[in-house]
Amino acid sequence: MASQAKTRFIAIIDGIERVMFSVEERKNNDLIISSSIPRFYENPDGSFTPFKDQHYSIHTSNNGED
């Protein structure tokens, strides 16, 4: 079974576009969330800052029929 296209969520941090995570829906309606976030990101001065928080939540739509 082939998967559908991925939806990528990005953020611009210090002027740099970064893929935060992607979501892929399979034909059986399962969702695959792939995080590409490192535990630290690099600042323009070359130093590193840790991410403080990471939460993912999936909810049904209030407007959906499911």
Protein backbone atom coordinates (compact mmCIF):
# COMPACT_ATOMS: atom_id res chain seq x y z
CA MET A 1 0.00 0.00 0.00
CA ALA A 2 1.45 3.33 -1.01
CA SER A 3 1.46 6.20 1.46
CA GLN A 4 0.03 9.65 0.80
CA ALA A 5 2.23 12.73 0.51
CA LYS A 6 3.78 14.12 3.68
CA THR A 7 2.69 17.41 5.16
CA ARG A 8 5.68 19.26 6.56
CA PHE A 9 5.44 21.81 9.36
CA ILE A 10 8.13 24.45 9.30
CA ALA A 11 9.27 27.32 11.48
CA ILE A 12 11.57 30.18 10.66
CA ILE A 13 14.12 30.41 13.44
CA ASP A 14 16.70 33.18 13.28
CA GLY A 15 15.88 33.63 9.60
CA ILE A 16 16.43 29.95 8.77
CA GLU A 17 13.53 27.80 7.58
CA ARG A 18 13.49 24.52 9.52
CA VAL A 19 11.26 21.47 9.11
CA MET A 20 9.95 20.81 12.60
CA PHE A 21 8.03 17.61 11.85
CA SER A 22 6.03 15.93 9.13
CA VAL A 23 2.74 14.05 9.16
CA GLU A 24 1.85 11.32 6.72
CA GLU A 25 -1.58 9.71 6.53
CA ARG A 26 -1.65 6.09 5.45
CA LYS A 27 -4.48 4.57 3.46
CA ASN A 28 -5.80 2.89 6.62
CA ASN A 29 -6.07 6.40 8.21
CA ASP A 30 -3.11 5.89 10.57
CA LEU A 31 -0.99 8.98 11.02
CA ILE A 32 2.79 8.81 11.07
CA ILE A 33 4.47 11.77 12.77
CA SER A 34 8.16 12.09 12.05
CA SER A 35 10.15 14.61 14.00
CA SER A 36 13.29 16.02 12.51
CA ILE A 37 13.93 18.33 15.43
CA PRO A 38 17.34 17.97 17.00
CA ARG A 39 17.50 18.41 20.75
CA PHE A 40 19.46 21.61 20.19
CA TYR A 41 19.44 24.24 17.50
CA GLU A 42 22.36 26.36 16.41
CA ASN A 43 22.28 30.11 16.95
CA PRO A 44 23.79 32.56 14.45
CA ASP A 45 26.81 33.02 16.75
CA GLY A 46 27.55 29.27 16.61
CA SER A 47 26.31 28.50 20.12
CA PHE A 48 23.59 25.91 20.73
CA THR A 49 20.28 26.30 22.55
CA PRO A 50 18.21 23.34 23.75
CA PHE A 51 14.55 23.08 22.81
CA LYS A 52 12.50 23.47 25.98
CA ASP A 53 9.30 21.78 24.93
CA GLN A 54 7.84 19.47 22.29
CA HIS A 55 4.18 18.43 22.24
CA TYR A 56 2.09 16.84 19.52
CA SER A 57 -1.66 16.46 19.77
CA ILE A 58 -4.07 14.99 17.24
CA HIS A 59 -7.78 15.68 17.56
CA THR A 60 -10.82 15.00 15.45
CA SER A 61 -12.29 18.03 13.74
CA ASN A 62 -15.42 19.60 15.21
CA ASN A 63 -16.61 20.02 11.62
CA GLY A 64 -15.85 16.48 10.49
CA GLU A 65 -18.27 13.62 10.02
CA ASP A 66 -16.09 11.02 11.78
